[in-house]
Amino acid sequence: MRRLALFALLCLTLAGCGVIGDVADLQARLTDAGFSGVSTNHSSTNGTDRVDVSATALDETKTPDDIAEIVWDTYPRHVDQLSVSLNGTYGNYTEEELRATFGERAVTEKADDDADVGRTIVTWLIVAAVVFVLFVIGMIVLIVFLVRRTRRRRMPPPQFYPYQ
């Protein structure tokens, strides 16, 4: 059971590696746009993708909407909710609000891989179960073969020779 949990954790970790790269790219784009102290996070809970961004800006004309627009137009992952904190000013956006405010996304959205991870885990569990069943069948066949072989090659009973 412990190995199964480690395997599931490994699958989820590998699936999350792409998200980590995209979040790092988003953080670099926000820094290039004049924001400092940028912190980004992407989380997915029960199928809801949430992006949290915290930053500071020396330019007082910058608003959370500026960050929201950069996220909406450049971040390739699906965004259901966006939370922005800029110099103590907060902005919370839903996907519908972002679409209404900024229009269609300028970036091609990557496929939502939550379902893919689930399918991958199920597929590997099925493969592991089939391999386990084949292993058990092979062990049973091997045991039967060895038992039959030992029964055929019985040693003749020892012969006793009387003392001379």
Protein backbone atom coordinates (compact mmCIF):
# COMPACT_ATOMS: atom_id res chain seq x y z
CA MET A 1 0.00 0.00 0.00
CA ARG A 2 2.90 2.29 0.78
CA ARG A 3 4.36 1.75 -2.70
CA LEU A 4 1.02 2.61 -4.30
CA ALA A 5 0.90 5.89 -2.39
CA LEU A 6 4.47 6.71 -3.45
CA PHE A 7 3.60 5.89 -7.06
CA ALA A 8 0.54 8.17 -6.98
CA LEU A 9 2.63 10.94 -5.43
CA LEU A 10 5.27 10.54 -8.15
CA CYS A 11 2.64 10.80 -10.91
CA LEU A 12 1.16 13.94 -9.39
CA THR A 13 4.59 15.46 -8.93
CA LEU A 14 5.57 14.84 -12.53
CA ALA A 15 2.30 16.31 -13.72
CA GLY A 16 2.93 19.40 -11.63
CA CYS A 17 6.37 20.07 -13.13
CA GLY A 18 4.83 21.78 -16.18
CA VAL A 19 2.77 24.06 -13.96
CA ILE A 20 5.88 25.05 -11.99
CA GLY A 21 7.62 26.15 -15.19
CA ASP A 22 4.60 28.17 -16.32
CA VAL A 23 4.31 29.87 -12.91
CA ALA A 24 8.02 30.77 -13.01
CA ASP A 25 7.58 32.23 -16.52
CA LEU A 26 4.60 34.26 -15.32
CA GLN A 27 6.64 35.59 -12.41
CA ALA A 28 9.43 36.64 -14.82
CA ARG A 29 6.93 38.41 -17.13
CA LEU A 30 5.46 40.34 -14.21
CA THR A 31 8.93 41.37 -13.08
CA ASP A 32 9.73 42.51 -16.63
CA ALA A 33 6.51 44.56 -16.62
CA GLY A 34 7.80 46.65 -13.70
CA PHE A 35 6.50 44.77 -10.67
CA SER A 36 8.85 43.75 -7.86
CA GLY A 37 8.62 41.27 -5.02
CA VAL A 38 6.44 39.09 -7.25
CA SER A 39 5.04 35.91 -5.75
CA THR A 40 2.89 33.59 -7.85
CA ASN A 41 1.05 30.40 -7.02
CA HIS A 42 -1.23 28.08 -9.00
CA SER A 43 -3.42 25.67 -7.08
CA SER A 44 -6.14 23.31 -8.16
CA THR A 45 -8.84 22.21 -5.73
CA ASN A 46 -11.79 20.05 -6.78
CA GLY A 47 -11.27 21.01 -10.41
CA THR A 48 -11.08 24.77 -9.73
CA ASP A 49 -7.82 26.34 -10.91
CA ARG A 50 -6.81 29.32 -8.82
CA VAL A 51 -3.89 31.67 -9.45
CA ASP A 52 -2.64 33.92 -6.65
CA VAL A 53 -0.29 36.83 -7.39
CA SER A 54 1.28 39.18 -4.86
CA ALA A 55 3.53 42.04 -5.95
CA THR A 56 4.63 45.58 -5.26
CA ALA A 57 5.10 48.42 -7.74
CA LEU A 58 6.87 51.74 -7.41
CA ASP A 59 4.67 53.18 -10.14
CA GLU A 60 1.46 54.22 -8.37
CA THR A 61 -0.53 54.12 -11.59
CA LYS A 62 -0.27 50.29 -11.64
CA THR A 63 -3.41 48.49 -10.48
CA PRO A 64 -4.37 44.88 -9.84
CA ASP A 65 -6.11 45.02 -13.23
CA ASP A 66 -2.70 45.43 -14.89
CA ILE A 67 -1.50 42.20 -13.31
CA ALA A 68 -4.79 40.47 -14.12
CA GLU A 69 -4.43 41.42 -17.78
CA ILE A 70 -0.88 40.06 -17.94
CA VAL A 71 -1.98 36.80 -16.31
CA TRP A 72 -5.01 36.50 -18.61
CA ASP A 73 -3.06 37.20 -21.79
CA THR A 74 0.19 35.33 -21.10
CA TYR A 75 -0.36 32.52 -18.58
CA PRO A 76 -1.04 29.35 -20.61
CA ARG A 77 -2.83 27.37 -17.89
CA HIS A 78 -6.56 27.42 -17.23
CA VAL A 79 -7.67 30.09 -14.74
CA ASP A 80 -11.02 29.80 -12.92
CA GLN A 81 -10.15 32.34 -10.23
CA LEU A 82 -7.45 34.98 -9.96
CA SER A 83 -6.48 36.74 -6.76
CA VAL A 84 -4.15 39.76 -6.99
CA SER A 85 -2.50 41.70 -4.18
CA LEU A 86 -0.65 44.85 -5.28
CA ASN A 87 0.71 47.32 -2.70
CA GLY A 88 -2.04 46.35 -0.26
CA THR A 89 -4.79 46.65 -2.89
CA TYR A 90 -6.66 43.44 -3.64
CA GLY A 91 -8.50 42.23 -6.67
CA ASN A 92 -10.40 38.97 -7.09
CA TYR A 93 -11.51 37.87 -10.53
CA THR A 94 -13.44 34.96 -11.93
CA GLU A 95 -12.89 33.54 -15.40
CA GLU A 96 -16.09 35.21 -16.60
CA GLU A 97 -15.01 38.61 -15.25
CA LEU A 98 -11.60 38.30 -16.88
CA ARG A 99 -13.17 37.34 -20.21
CA ALA A 100 -15.64 40.25 -20.02
CA THR A 101 -12.94 42.77 -19.05
CA PHE A 102 -10.04 41.70 -21.27
CA GLY A 103 -11.74 39.71 -24.03
CA GLU A 104 -10.64 36.34 -25.31
CA ARG A 105 -7.26 35.11 -24.18
CA ALA A 106 -4.25 36.07 -26.27
CA VAL A 107 -2.46 32.85 -25.34
CA THR A 108 -3.42 29.32 -26.34
CA GLU A 109 -4.57 27.63 -23.18
CA LYS A 110 -2.91 24.33 -22.37
CA ALA A 111 -5.19 21.40 -21.79
CA ASP A 112 -6.37 21.02 -18.23
CA ASP A 113 -4.29 18.10 -17.06
CA ASP A 114 -6.26 17.24 -13.91
CA ALA A 115 -8.26 14.62 -15.79
CA ASP A 116 -5.12 13.39 -17.57
CA VAL A 117 -3.37 12.78 -14.27
CA GLY A 118 -6.35 10.80 -13.00
CA ARG A 119 -6.45 8.74 -16.18
CA THR A 120 -2.71 8.16 -16.01
CA ILE A 121 -2.91 6.93 -12.43
CA VAL A 122 -5.82 4.62 -13.24
CA THR A 123 -4.01 3.29 -16.31
CA TRP A 124 -0.87 2.53 -14.31
CA LEU A 125 -2.91 0.90 -11.55
CA ILE A 126 -4.56 -1.37 -14.11
CA VAL A 127 -1.19 -2.23 -15.65
CA ALA A 128 0.24 -2.96 -12.18
CA ALA A 129 -2.76 -5.18 -11.34
CA VAL A 130 -2.38 -7.15 -14.59
CA VAL A 131 1.36 -7.61 -14.01
CA PHE A 132 0.68 -8.73 -10.44
CA VAL A 133 -1.94 -11.27 -11.58
CA LEU A 134 0.42 -12.61 -14.25
CA PHE A 135 3.17 -12.88 -11.64
CA VAL A 136 0.91 -14.85 -9.30
CA ILE A 137 -0.20 -17.16 -12.12
CA GLY A 138 3.46 -17.70 -13.07
CA MET A 139 4.35 -18.56 -9.48
CA ILE A 140 1.47 -21.05 -9.27
CA VAL A 141 2.54 -22.72 -12.53
CA LEU A 142 6.15 -22.88 -11.31
CA ILE A 143 5.15 -24.43 -7.99
CA VAL A 144 2.94 -27.04 -9.68
CA PHE A 145 5.75 -27.89 -12.11
CA LEU A 146 8.31 -28.28 -9.32
CA VAL A 147 6.01 -30.40 -7.16
CA ARG A 148 5.22 -32.76 -10.06
CA ARG A 149 8.89 -33.04 -10.97
CA THR A 150 9.88 -34.00 -7.44
CA ARG A 151 7.15 -36.67 -7.28
CA ARG A 152 8.38 -38.32 -10.48
CA ARG A 153 11.98 -38.54 -9.36
CA ARG A 154 11.47 -40.30 -6.09
CA MET A 155 14.48 -41.96 -4.70
CA PRO A 156 14.32 -45.69 -4.54
CA PRO A 157 13.90 -46.96 -1.06
CA PRO A 158 17.18 -47.64 0.61
CA GLN A 159 18.37 -51.21 0.40
CA PHE A 160 19.50 -52.82 3.53
CA TYR A 161 22.29 -55.24 3.33
CA PRO A 162 22.58 -57.68 6.10
CA TYR A 163 25.85 -57.69 7.90
CA GLN A 164 28.19 -60.32 6.78
